[in-house]
Amino acid sequence: MSYVITAPCVADYSCVEVCPVDCISPMPDDSGFEAATQLYINPVLCVDCDACREACPVNAIFAEDQLPEKWLDYIGINAAHFQSHTQTVAELRHDK
């Protein structure tokens, strides 16, 4: 299980600041940052610590198994953000 960022995200980076494994993106220096409409949690790297959920000022972050039904699509949306990149899981873990 991992955490999932949903539609209310305002990309204020409160969650990024508290994430112990840097699994939330995009960051300002990432390619595609300017076009991003929200932040995303990498489900492979997420360690389920709950820090991001507690830090989110708009309650946009949920444990995957606690997502409201209207936001279930965001499981795939978050995962797809990272699948669209060419990095493998091993590369992602090495970058930490």
Foldseek 3Di string as FASTA:
>chain_A
DAKFFFDVAPPPCQLCVFQPQNQKDDDPVDPPRVVDPHIAGAPLRGPRPCSSCVRGPRNRMDGLVPDDPVGVCRVVVRNVVVVVDPDDSVRSNVVD
